[in-house]
Amino acid sequence: MNELDRVRQARQTDLVEWLRQNNVPLKRAGQWWYIEGCDSLRIQGNKWYRNSQDKGGNSIDFLVDYYRLTPKEAIERLTHTSMYFQKEKGGVKEKNLKDLSATSSEFDFNSIVQASEERRVLAYLSKTRGIAADIVMSEIQKGLLFQEAQTGNAIFTAINETGDIVGAEVVGTLSFKNNRFKGIKPGSTKGYGYSFGQRENPQYILYFESGIDLLSFITISQHRMKPLTACLLVSMAGLKLTIVQNTLQVFGNSTTIPVFCADNDEAGATFNNRCLSQFPSGILNPPNKNYKDWNDQLLQLHR
């Protein structure tokens, strides 16, 4: 594919499908879609319009305006995600797993340039998100969490059963009206996520929707003086049953119990029910009912 074709493909990417692929919460009103918490921004197909600023455009313009990416970065993100979908009459249909594995590029950890210092990531996670600074620094020192040089994004690495880095969860550190970029590095191996704790035969494996929720839970446990012994905590970077299935197989044993710590929302409840139907021995451990997710609950401790 030449550069002109890549630009054309990026412009025509269905934004609703792209945002769903990147775990951005959406709601629908009539023919328009809206990002939760941003009602002035409406989306349809590859077009968007922001009423409050009287501007809009195509898919590339959206990533440049909303996520503050360069046009080159926007095209890269849009064309990578577009490989996961094929156009059909009546909309967009997700390819099957066989097609995905054939088109996905191999993960190259060395292509991620680490920043010379981690100040932005440390400030965002500890000050904005309320995660204990010693926990953040420990993960940084172990090389499992770092700041990307070009974007300033937080990179949460995914480790496999042999200790190799096979993927990465990406979280933006710049605020865009309470919305930040969230995604997965291209080529990340399916079935793995950022993890913390005992990777060899844990008694429990706890599953969270993000690395931030995972670290928030650790901070809450630290605050309550409850040690997380014989536990492995895993971020799914969304709600991914494949990560539950794979990590139970490669890290756990026949007695390992899955613990589902998804958000207090409709998507989280649906996922929990799906998991329990497949793993009847599993345990539900959502945040307190007064909070949407574990980070919301943590931030309340600081108020």
C-alpha atoms as a PDB file:
ATOM      1  CA  MET A   1       0.000   0.000   0.000  1.00  0.00           C
ATOM      2  CA  ASN A   2       1.484   3.368  -1.009  1.00  0.00           C
ATOM      3  CA  GLU A   3       1.328   6.478   1.161  1.00  0.00           C
ATOM      4  CA  LEU A   4      -1.607   7.999  -0.701  1.00  0.00           C
ATOM      5  CA  ASP A   5      -3.645   4.830  -0.163  1.00  0.00           C
ATOM      6  CA  ARG A   6      -2.746   4.789   3.547  1.00  0.00           C
ATOM      7  CA  VAL A   7      -3.919   8.393   3.941  1.00  0.00           C
ATOM      8  CA  ARG A   8      -7.155   7.618   2.086  1.00  0.00           C
ATOM      9  CA  GLN A   9      -7.748   4.527   4.254  1.00  0.00           C
ATOM     10  CA  ALA A  10      -7.062   6.503   7.438  1.00  0.00           C
ATOM     11  CA  ARG A  11      -9.502   9.254   6.433  1.00  0.00           C
ATOM     12  CA  GLN A  12     -12.235   6.693   5.762  1.00  0.00           C
ATOM     13  CA  THR A  13     -11.784   4.706   8.994  1.00  0.00           C
ATOM     14  CA  ASP A  14     -15.064   4.275  10.866  1.00  0.00           C
ATOM     15  CA  LEU A  15     -14.513   6.289  14.043  1.00  0.00           C
ATOM     16  CA  VAL A  16     -17.151   4.478  16.094  1.00  0.00           C
ATOM     17  CA  GLU A  17     -15.511   1.113  15.421  1.00  0.00           C
ATOM     18  CA  TRP A  18     -12.037   2.563  16.014  1.00  0.00           C
ATOM     19  CA  LEU A  19     -13.072   4.048  19.359  1.00  0.00           C
ATOM     20  CA  ARG A  20     -14.721   0.783  20.419  1.00  0.00           C
ATOM     21  CA  GLN A  21     -11.556  -1.114  19.476  1.00  0.00           C
ATOM     22  CA  ASN A  22      -9.656   1.241  21.787  1.00  0.00           C
ATOM     23  CA  ASN A  23     -12.131   0.800  24.665  1.00  0.00           C
ATOM     24  CA  VAL A  24     -13.517   4.343  24.585  1.00  0.00           C
ATOM     25  CA  PRO A  25     -17.011   4.436  26.195  1.00  0.00           C
ATOM     26  CA  LEU A  26     -19.668   5.562  23.721  1.00  0.00           C
ATOM     27  CA  LYS A  27     -23.382   6.256  23.793  1.00  0.00           C
ATOM     28  CA  ARG A  28     -25.860   6.653  20.946  1.00  0.00           C
ATOM     29  CA  ALA A  29     -28.592   9.230  20.387  1.00  0.00           C
ATOM     30  CA  GLY A  30     -30.429   8.798  17.097  1.00  0.00           C
ATOM     31  CA  GLN A  31     -28.000   8.578  14.198  1.00  0.00           C
ATOM     32  CA  TRP A  32     -25.112  10.109  16.179  1.00  0.00           C
ATOM     33  CA  TRP A  33     -22.623   8.611  18.625  1.00  0.00           C
ATOM     34  CA  TYR A  34     -21.077  10.508  21.535  1.00  0.00           C
ATOM     35  CA  ILE A  35     -18.085   9.874  23.765  1.00  0.00           C
ATOM     36  CA  GLU A  36     -19.303   9.615  27.353  1.00  0.00           C
ATOM     37  CA  GLY A  37     -18.670  12.899  29.171  1.00  0.00           C
ATOM     38  CA  CYS A  38     -18.273  14.862  25.934  1.00  0.00           C
ATOM     39  CA  ASP A  39     -21.805  15.583  24.714  1.00  0.00           C
ATOM     40  CA  SER A  40     -20.800  18.418  22.386  1.00  0.00           C
ATOM     41  CA  LEU A  41     -18.800  16.035  20.177  1.00  0.00           C
ATOM     42  CA  ARG A  42     -20.897  13.921  17.800  1.00  0.00           C
ATOM     43  CA  ILE A  43     -19.630  11.142  15.544  1.00  0.00           C
ATOM     44  CA  GLN A  44     -21.040   9.289  12.542  1.00  0.00           C
ATOM     45  CA  GLY A  45     -18.966   6.995  10.319  1.00  0.00           C
ATOM     46  CA  ASN A  46     -15.691   8.756   9.538  1.00  0.00           C
ATOM     47  CA  LYS A  47     -17.114  12.209  10.277  1.00  0.00           C
ATOM     48  CA  TRP A  48     -17.235  14.186  13.519  1.00  0.00           C
ATOM     49  CA  TYR A  49     -18.404  17.598  14.623  1.00  0.00           C
ATOM     50  CA  ARG A  50     -17.827  19.510  17.877  1.00  0.00           C
ATOM     51  CA  ASN A  51     -20.704  21.917  18.484  1.00  0.00           C
ATOM     52  CA  SER A  52     -18.977  23.900  21.214  1.00  0.00           C
ATOM     53  CA  GLN A  53     -16.075  24.831  18.912  1.00  0.00           C
ATOM     54  CA  ASP A  54     -17.927  24.812  15.579  1.00  0.00           C
ATOM     55  CA  LYS A  55     -15.440  22.490  13.900  1.00  0.00           C
ATOM     56  CA  GLY A  56     -15.214  18.949  12.574  1.00  0.00           C
ATOM     57  CA  GLY A  57     -13.657  16.806   9.868  1.00  0.00           C
ATOM     58  CA  ASN A  58     -12.603  13.273   8.977  1.00  0.00           C
ATOM     59  CA  SER A  59     -10.978  10.513  11.032  1.00  0.00           C
ATOM     60  CA  ILE A  60      -7.443  11.901  10.757  1.00  0.00           C
ATOM     61  CA  ASP A  61      -8.643  15.357  11.837  1.00  0.00           C
ATOM     62  CA  PHE A  62     -10.358  13.765  14.836  1.00  0.00           C
ATOM     63  CA  LEU A  63      -7.195  12.126  16.219  1.00  0.00           C
ATOM     64  CA  VAL A  64      -5.191  15.294  15.594  1.00  0.00           C
ATOM     65  CA  ASP A  65      -7.756  17.513  17.322  1.00  0.00           C
ATOM     66  CA  TYR A  66      -9.001  15.225  20.113  1.00  0.00           C
ATOM     67  CA  TYR A  67      -5.849  13.306  21.043  1.00  0.00           C
ATOM     68  CA  ARG A  68      -3.314  15.947  19.959  1.00  0.00           C
ATOM     69  CA  LEU A  69      -1.478  13.516  17.683  1.00  0.00           C
ATOM     70  CA  THR A  70       0.515  14.599  14.648  1.00  0.00           C
ATOM     71  CA  PRO A  71      -1.076  13.725  11.284  1.00  0.00           C
ATOM     72  CA  LYS A  72       1.597  11.030  10.804  1.00  0.00           C
ATOM     73  CA  GLU A  73       0.808   9.472  14.207  1.00  0.00           C
ATOM     74  CA  ALA A  74      -2.925   9.631  13.474  1.00  0.00           C
ATOM     75  CA  ILE A  75      -2.520   7.854  10.136  1.00  0.00           C
ATOM     76  CA  GLU A  76      -0.398   5.136  11.770  1.00  0.00           C
ATOM     77  CA  ARG A  77      -2.959   4.479  14.508  1.00  0.00           C
ATOM     78  CA  LEU A  78      -5.944   4.539  12.164  1.00  0.00           C
ATOM     79  CA  THR A  79      -4.457   2.291   9.491  1.00  0.00           C
ATOM     80  CA  HIS A  80      -3.241  -0.234  12.054  1.00  0.00           C
ATOM     81  CA  THR A  81      -6.679  -0.541  13.656  1.00  0.00           C
ATOM     82  CA  SER A  82      -8.339  -0.585  10.238  1.00  0.00           C
ATOM     83  CA  MET A  83      -6.586  -3.896   9.520  1.00  0.00           C
ATOM     84  CA  TYR A  84      -8.907  -5.438  12.093  1.00  0.00           C
ATOM     85  CA  PHE A  85     -12.037  -4.700  10.070  1.00  0.00           C
ATOM     86  CA  GLN A  86     -13.395  -5.392   6.640  1.00  0.00           C
ATOM     87  CA  LYS A  87     -16.135  -3.362   4.927  1.00  0.00           C
ATOM     88  CA  GLU A  88     -19.396  -5.080   4.092  1.00  0.00           C
ATOM     89  CA  LYS A  89     -22.824  -3.873   3.040  1.00  0.00           C
ATOM     90  CA  GLY A  90     -24.616  -2.393   6.002  1.00  0.00           C
ATOM     91  CA  GLY A  91     -21.545  -1.554   8.052  1.00  0.00           C
ATOM     92  CA  VAL A  92     -18.315  -3.016   9.362  1.00  0.00           C
ATOM     93  CA  LYS A  93     -17.801  -6.646  10.238  1.00  0.00           C
ATOM     94  CA  GLU A  94     -14.983  -7.842  12.490  1.00  0.00           C
ATOM     95  CA  LYS A  95     -12.666 -10.404  10.912  1.00  0.00           C
ATOM     96  CA  ASN A  96     -12.254 -13.757  12.571  1.00  0.00           C
ATOM     97  CA  LEU A  97      -9.243 -14.655  14.702  1.00  0.00           C
ATOM     98  CA  LYS A  98      -7.540 -16.498  11.861  1.00  0.00           C
ATOM     99  CA  ASP A  99      -7.682 -13.391   9.675  1.00  0.00           C
ATOM    100  CA  LEU A 100      -6.414 -11.221  12.519  1.00  0.00           C
ATOM    101  CA  SER A 101      -3.365 -13.345  13.191  1.00  0.00           C
ATOM    102  CA  ALA A 102      -2.508 -13.296   9.515  1.00  0.00           C
ATOM    103  CA  THR A 103      -2.621  -9.493   9.218  1.00  0.00           C
ATOM    104  CA  SER A 104      -1.219  -8.361  12.572  1.00  0.00           C
ATOM    105  CA  SER A 105       2.407  -7.202  12.606  1.00  0.00           C
ATOM    106  CA  GLU A 106       4.862  -8.740  15.048  1.00  0.00           C
ATOM    107  CA  PHE A 107       5.403  -6.822  18.271  1.00  0.00           C
ATOM    108  CA  ASP A 108       8.767  -5.042  18.368  1.00  0.00           C
ATOM    109  CA  PHE A 109       9.575  -3.766  21.848  1.00  0.00           C
ATOM    110  CA  ASN A 110      12.779  -2.142  20.597  1.00  0.00           C
ATOM    111  CA  SER A 111      10.725   0.177  18.387  1.00  0.00           C
ATOM    112  CA  ILE A 112       9.377   1.914  21.511  1.00  0.00           C
ATOM    113  CA  VAL A 113      11.780   4.684  22.502  1.00  0.00           C
ATOM    114  CA  GLN A 114      11.896   5.228  26.252  1.00  0.00           C
ATOM    115  CA  ALA A 115      12.113   8.811  27.513  1.00  0.00           C
ATOM    116  CA  SER A 116      15.222   9.870  29.384  1.00  0.00           C
ATOM    117  CA  GLU A 117      13.101  10.561  32.461  1.00  0.00           C
ATOM    118  CA  GLU A 118       9.687   9.471  33.711  1.00  0.00           C
ATOM    119  CA  ARG A 119       8.485  12.733  35.244  1.00  0.00           C
ATOM    120  CA  ARG A 120       5.242  13.049  33.291  1.00  0.00           C
ATOM    121  CA  VAL A 121       4.188   9.437  33.912  1.00  0.00           C
ATOM    122  CA  LEU A 122       5.050   9.654  37.595  1.00  0.00           C
ATOM    123  CA  ALA A 123       3.144  12.937  37.997  1.00  0.00           C
ATOM    124  CA  TYR A 124       0.099  11.659  36.133  1.00  0.00           C
ATOM    125  CA  LEU A 125      -0.154   8.314  37.928  1.00  0.00           C
ATOM    126  CA  SER A 126       0.672   9.543  41.432  1.00  0.00           C
ATOM    127  CA  LYS A 127      -0.774  13.071  41.486  1.00  0.00           C
ATOM    128  CA  THR A 128      -3.668  12.900  39.027  1.00  0.00           C
ATOM    129  CA  ARG A 129      -4.635   9.257  39.554  1.00  0.00           C
ATOM    130  CA  GLY A 130      -3.684   9.020  43.240  1.00  0.00           C
ATOM    131  CA  ILE A 131      -1.595   5.834  42.895  1.00  0.00           C
ATOM    132  CA  ALA A 132       1.089   5.441  45.558  1.00  0.00           C
ATOM    133  CA  ALA A 133       4.357   6.895  44.244  1.00  0.00           C
ATOM    134  CA  ASP A 134       6.411   4.031  45.680  1.00  0.00           C
ATOM    135  CA  ILE A 135       4.361   1.509  43.680  1.00  0.00           C
ATOM    136  CA  VAL A 136       4.801   3.528  40.473  1.00  0.00           C
ATOM    137  CA  MET A 137       8.551   3.952  41.047  1.00  0.00           C
ATOM    138  CA  SER A 138       8.974   0.258  41.772  1.00  0.00           C
ATOM    139  CA  GLU A 139       7.351  -0.677  38.453  1.00  0.00           C
ATOM    140  CA  ILE A 140       9.466   1.922  36.636  1.00  0.00           C
ATOM    141  CA  GLN A 141      12.659   0.595  38.219  1.00  0.00           C
ATOM    142  CA  LYS A 142      11.735  -2.957  37.155  1.00  0.00           C
ATOM    143  CA  GLY A 143      11.280  -1.718  33.583  1.00  0.00           C
ATOM    144  CA  LEU A 144       7.634  -2.774  33.502  1.00  0.00           C
ATOM    145  CA  LEU A 145       6.309   0.785  33.268  1.00  0.00           C
ATOM    146  CA  PHE A 146       7.891   3.740  31.508  1.00  0.00           C
ATOM    147  CA  GLN A 147       7.316   6.944  29.568  1.00  0.00           C
ATOM    148  CA  GLU A 148       7.435   6.907  25.783  1.00  0.00           C
ATOM    149  CA  ALA A 149       9.791   9.555  24.417  1.00  0.00           C
ATOM    150  CA  GLN A 150       7.800  10.800  21.412  1.00  0.00           C
ATOM    151  CA  THR A 151       4.343  10.978  22.958  1.00  0.00           C
ATOM    152  CA  GLY A 152       4.874  11.105  26.728  1.00  0.00           C
ATOM    153  CA  ASN A 153       2.402   8.217  26.998  1.00  0.00           C
ATOM    154  CA  ALA A 154       2.603   5.712  29.839  1.00  0.00           C
ATOM    155  CA  ILE A 155       3.642   2.265  28.574  1.00  0.00           C
ATOM    156  CA  PHE A 156       2.481  -0.726  30.654  1.00  0.00           C
ATOM    157  CA  THR A 157       4.404  -3.771  29.407  1.00  0.00           C
ATOM    158  CA  ALA A 158       2.883  -7.250  29.020  1.00  0.00           C
ATOM    159  CA  ILE A 159       5.090 -10.170  30.122  1.00  0.00           C
ATOM    160  CA  ASN A 160       4.657 -13.776  29.015  1.00  0.00           C
ATOM    161  CA  GLU A 161       5.386 -16.960  30.979  1.00  0.00           C
ATOM    162  CA  THR A 162       9.090 -16.917  29.990  1.00  0.00           C
ATOM    163  CA  GLY A 163       9.570 -13.317  31.122  1.00  0.00           C
ATOM    164  CA  ASP A 164       9.644 -11.780  27.642  1.00  0.00           C
ATOM    165  CA  ILE A 165       7.870  -8.501  26.864  1.00  0.00           C
ATOM    166  CA  VAL A 166       5.246  -9.418  24.256  1.00  0.00           C
ATOM    167  CA  GLY A 167       3.014  -6.357  24.190  1.00  0.00           C
ATOM    168  CA  ALA A 168       2.130  -3.052  25.781  1.00  0.00           C
ATOM    169  CA  GLU A 169      -0.880  -1.122  27.019  1.00  0.00           C
ATOM    170  CA  VAL A 170      -0.719   2.590  26.219  1.00  0.00           C
ATOM    171  CA  VAL A 171      -2.274   5.351  28.325  1.00  0.00           C
ATOM    172  CA  GLY A 172      -2.067   9.043  27.461  1.00  0.00           C
ATOM    173  CA  THR A 173      -0.814  11.417  30.130  1.00  0.00           C
ATOM    174  CA  LEU A 174      -2.255  14.608  28.631  1.00  0.00           C
ATOM    175  CA  SER A 175      -5.836  15.592  29.453  1.00  0.00           C
ATOM    176  CA  PHE A 176      -8.327  16.383  26.705  1.00  0.00           C
ATOM    177  CA  LYS A 177     -11.516  17.352  28.536  1.00  0.00           C
ATOM    178  CA  ASN A 178     -11.294  14.335  30.863  1.00  0.00           C
ATOM    179  CA  ASN A 179     -10.540  11.946  27.989  1.00  0.00           C
ATOM    180  CA  ARG A 180      -7.124  10.429  27.359  1.00  0.00           C
ATOM    181  CA  PHE A 181      -5.750   8.178  24.689  1.00  0.00           C
ATOM    182  CA  LYS A 182      -5.970   4.475  25.551  1.00  0.00           C
ATOM    183  CA  GLY A 183      -4.879   1.638  23.343  1.00  0.00           C
ATOM    184  CA  ILE A 184      -2.614  -1.310  22.649  1.00  0.00           C
ATOM    185  CA  LYS A 185       0.746  -1.152  20.886  1.00  0.00           C
ATOM    186  CA  PRO A 186       0.599  -2.613  17.364  1.00  0.00           C
ATOM    187  CA  GLY A 187       1.552  -6.288  17.203  1.00  0.00           C
ATOM    188  CA  SER A 188       0.978  -6.982  20.905  1.00  0.00           C
ATOM    189  CA  THR A 189       0.499 -10.711  21.461  1.00  0.00           C
ATOM    190  CA  LYS A 190      -3.102 -11.626  22.166  1.00  0.00           C
ATOM    191  CA  GLY A 191      -3.891 -13.228  25.504  1.00  0.00           C
ATOM    192  CA  TYR A 192      -1.427 -11.197  27.589  1.00  0.00           C
ATOM    193  CA  GLY A 193      -1.692  -7.960  29.543  1.00  0.00           C
ATOM    194  CA  TYR A 194       0.232  -5.825  31.995  1.00  0.00           C
ATOM    195  CA  SER A 195       0.579  -7.811  35.215  1.00  0.00           C
ATOM    196  CA  PHE A 196       1.792  -7.508  38.784  1.00  0.00           C
ATOM    197  CA  GLY A 197       2.553 -10.122  41.435  1.00  0.00           C
ATOM    198  CA  GLN A 198       3.183 -13.854  41.509  1.00  0.00           C
ATOM    199  CA  ARG A 199       3.398 -15.197  37.955  1.00  0.00           C
ATOM    200  CA  GLU A 200       4.125 -18.818  38.865  1.00  0.00           C
ATOM    201  CA  ASN A 201       1.127 -20.841  40.075  1.00  0.00           C
ATOM    202  CA  PRO A 202      -0.741 -18.045  41.885  1.00  0.00           C
ATOM    203  CA  GLN A 203      -3.682 -18.965  44.089  1.00  0.00           C
ATOM    204  CA  TYR A 204      -5.720 -16.124  42.594  1.00  0.00           C
ATOM    205  CA  ILE A 205      -5.553 -14.171  39.334  1.00  0.00           C
ATOM    206  CA  LEU A 206      -7.370 -10.832  39.510  1.00  0.00           C
ATOM    207  CA  TYR A 207      -8.559  -9.192  36.282  1.00  0.00           C
ATOM    208  CA  PHE A 208      -8.899  -5.429  35.793  1.00  0.00           C
ATOM    209  CA  GLU A 209      -9.992  -3.241  32.889  1.00  0.00           C
ATOM    210  CA  SER A 210      -6.782  -1.199  32.872  1.00  0.00           C
ATOM    211  CA  GLY A 211      -3.306  -0.897  34.309  1.00  0.00           C
ATOM    212  CA  ILE A 212      -4.472   2.181  36.196  1.00  0.00           C
ATOM    213  CA  ASP A 213      -7.305   0.257  37.874  1.00  0.00           C
ATOM    214  CA  LEU A 214      -4.828  -2.515  38.722  1.00  0.00           C
ATOM    215  CA  LEU A 215      -2.368  -0.125  40.393  1.00  0.00           C
ATOM    216  CA  SER A 216      -5.264   1.675  42.104  1.00  0.00           C
ATOM    217  CA  PHE A 217      -6.380  -1.633  43.633  1.00  0.00           C
ATOM    218  CA  ILE A 218      -2.849  -2.261  44.922  1.00  0.00           C
ATOM    219  CA  THR A 219      -2.787   1.215  46.487  1.00  0.00           C
ATOM    220  CA  ILE A 220      -6.174   0.631  48.143  1.00  0.00           C
ATOM    221  CA  SER A 221      -4.957  -2.726  49.477  1.00  0.00           C
ATOM    222  CA  GLN A 222      -1.818  -1.034  50.797  1.00  0.00           C
ATOM    223  CA  HIS A 223      -3.962   1.625  52.478  1.00  0.00           C
ATOM    224  CA  ARG A 224      -6.054  -1.112  54.119  1.00  0.00           C
ATOM    225  CA  MET A 225      -2.871  -3.006  55.060  1.00  0.00           C
ATOM    226  CA  LYS A 226      -4.097  -6.094  53.197  1.00  0.00           C
ATOM    227  CA  PRO A 227      -1.159  -7.927  51.575  1.00  0.00           C
ATOM    228  CA  LEU A 228      -1.733  -9.423  48.139  1.00  0.00           C
ATOM    229  CA  THR A 229      -0.041 -12.767  48.712  1.00  0.00           C
ATOM    230  CA  ALA A 230      -0.168 -15.599  46.163  1.00  0.00           C
ATOM    231  CA  CYS A 231      -1.935 -13.242  43.741  1.00  0.00           C
ATOM    232  CA  LEU A 232      -1.308 -12.233  40.149  1.00  0.00           C
ATOM    233  CA  LEU A 233      -3.069  -9.060  38.987  1.00  0.00           C
ATOM    234  CA  VAL A 234      -3.668  -8.686  35.238  1.00  0.00           C
ATOM    235  CA  SER A 235      -4.886  -5.756  33.131  1.00  0.00           C
ATOM    236  CA  MET A 236      -7.069  -6.700  30.183  1.00  0.00           C
ATOM    237  CA  ALA A 237      -6.844  -3.191  28.672  1.00  0.00           C
ATOM    238  CA  GLY A 238     -10.583  -3.452  28.216  1.00  0.00           C
ATOM    239  CA  LEU A 239     -12.747  -6.539  28.615  1.00  0.00           C
ATOM    240  CA  LYS A 240     -10.965  -9.421  26.933  1.00  0.00           C
ATOM    241  CA  LEU A 241     -11.992 -12.994  27.662  1.00  0.00           C
ATOM    242  CA  THR A 242      -8.964 -14.233  25.681  1.00  0.00           C
ATOM    243  CA  ILE A 243      -6.666 -12.749  28.331  1.00  0.00           C
ATOM    244  CA  VAL A 244      -8.560 -14.549  31.101  1.00  0.00           C
ATOM    245  CA  GLN A 245      -8.425 -17.843  29.221  1.00  0.00           C
ATOM    246  CA  ASN A 246      -4.749 -17.596  28.302  1.00  0.00           C
ATOM    247  CA  THR A 247      -3.317 -16.277  31.573  1.00  0.00           C
ATOM    248  CA  LEU A 248      -5.156 -18.906  33.600  1.00  0.00           C
ATOM    249  CA  GLN A 249      -3.574 -21.526  31.386  1.00  0.00           C
ATOM    250  CA  VAL A 250       0.005 -20.241  31.251  1.00  0.00           C
ATOM    251  CA  PHE A 251       0.381 -18.746  34.740  1.00  0.00           C
ATOM    252  CA  GLY A 252      -2.120 -20.682  36.835  1.00  0.00           C
ATOM    253  CA  ASN A 253      -2.849 -24.304  37.644  1.00  0.00           C
ATOM    254  CA  SER A 254      -5.951 -26.423  38.201  1.00  0.00           C
ATOM    255  CA  THR A 255      -6.610 -24.798  41.583  1.00  0.00           C
ATOM    256  CA  THR A 256      -6.048 -21.156  40.559  1.00  0.00           C
ATOM    257  CA  ILE A 257      -9.190 -19.078  41.095  1.00  0.00           C
ATOM    258  CA  PRO A 258     -10.028 -16.196  38.727  1.00  0.00           C
ATOM    259  CA  VAL A 259     -11.277 -12.996  40.372  1.00  0.00           C
ATOM    260  CA  PHE A 260     -13.145 -10.531  38.170  1.00  0.00           C
ATOM    261  CA  CYS A 261     -12.685  -6.871  39.112  1.00  0.00           C
ATOM    262  CA  ALA A 262     -14.389  -5.145  36.175  1.00  0.00           C
ATOM    263  CA  ASP A 263     -16.067  -1.735  36.374  1.00  0.00           C
ATOM    264  CA  ASN A 264     -19.499  -1.079  37.857  1.00  0.00           C
ATOM    265  CA  ASP A 265     -21.277  -0.552  34.554  1.00  0.00           C
ATOM    266  CA  GLU A 266     -23.364  -2.514  32.072  1.00  0.00           C
ATOM    267  CA  ALA A 267     -20.354  -3.674  30.057  1.00  0.00           C
ATOM    268  CA  GLY A 268     -18.582  -4.859  33.203  1.00  0.00           C
ATOM    269  CA  ALA A 269     -21.642  -6.750  34.421  1.00  0.00           C
ATOM    270  CA  THR A 270     -22.091  -8.449  31.043  1.00  0.00           C
ATOM    271  CA  PHE A 271     -18.445  -9.464  31.012  1.00  0.00           C
ATOM    272  CA  ASN A 272     -18.622 -10.804  34.571  1.00  0.00           C
ATOM    273  CA  ASN A 273     -21.625 -12.980  33.692  1.00  0.00           C
ATOM    274  CA  ARG A 274     -19.854 -14.276  30.613  1.00  0.00           C
ATOM    275  CA  CYS A 275     -16.754 -15.149  32.643  1.00  0.00           C
ATOM    276  CA  LEU A 276     -18.697 -16.869  35.418  1.00  0.00           C
ATOM    277  CA  SER A 277     -20.530 -19.030  32.882  1.00  0.00           C
ATOM    278  CA  GLN A 278     -17.158 -20.284  31.655  1.00  0.00           C
ATOM    279  CA  PHE A 279     -15.372 -20.314  35.021  1.00  0.00           C
ATOM    280  CA  PRO A 280     -17.964 -21.234  37.696  1.00  0.00           C
ATOM    281  CA  SER A 281     -15.314 -21.199  40.435  1.00  0.00           C
ATOM    282  CA  GLY A 282     -14.600 -17.541  39.723  1.00  0.00           C
ATOM    283  CA  ILE A 283     -15.199 -14.738  42.213  1.00  0.00           C
ATOM    284  CA  LEU A 284     -16.693 -11.303  41.562  1.00  0.00           C
ATOM    285  CA  ASN A 285     -14.824  -8.443  43.199  1.00  0.00           C
ATOM    286  CA  PRO A 286     -16.056  -5.163  41.669  1.00  0.00           C
ATOM    287  CA  PRO A 287     -15.347  -1.728  43.156  1.00  0.00           C
ATOM    288  CA  ASN A 288     -17.671  -0.416  45.831  1.00  0.00           C
ATOM    289  CA  LYS A 289     -21.106   0.147  44.265  1.00  0.00           C
ATOM    290  CA  ASN A 290     -20.743   3.908  44.779  1.00  0.00           C
ATOM    291  CA  TYR A 291     -17.851   4.078  42.292  1.00  0.00           C
ATOM    292  CA  LYS A 292     -17.522   3.269  38.605  1.00  0.00           C
ATOM    293  CA  ASP A 293     -14.031   1.801  38.785  1.00  0.00           C
ATOM    294  CA  TRP A 294     -11.129   1.170  41.135  1.00  0.00           C
ATOM    295  CA  ASN A 295      -9.464   4.480  40.404  1.00  0.00           C
ATOM    296  CA  ASP A 296     -12.664   6.363  41.283  1.00  0.00           C
ATOM    297  CA  GLN A 297     -12.690   4.492  44.580  1.00  0.00           C
ATOM    298  CA  LEU A 298      -9.038   5.284  45.228  1.00  0.00           C
ATOM    299  CA  LEU A 299      -9.477   8.992  44.530  1.00  0.00           C
ATOM    300  CA  GLN A 300     -12.236   9.109  47.122  1.00  0.00           C
ATOM    301  CA  LEU A 301      -9.707   8.008  49.760  1.00  0.00           C
ATOM    302  CA  HIS A 302      -7.717  11.178  49.086  1.00  0.00           C
ATOM    303  CA  ARG A 303     -10.698  13.521  49.528  1.00  0.00           C
END
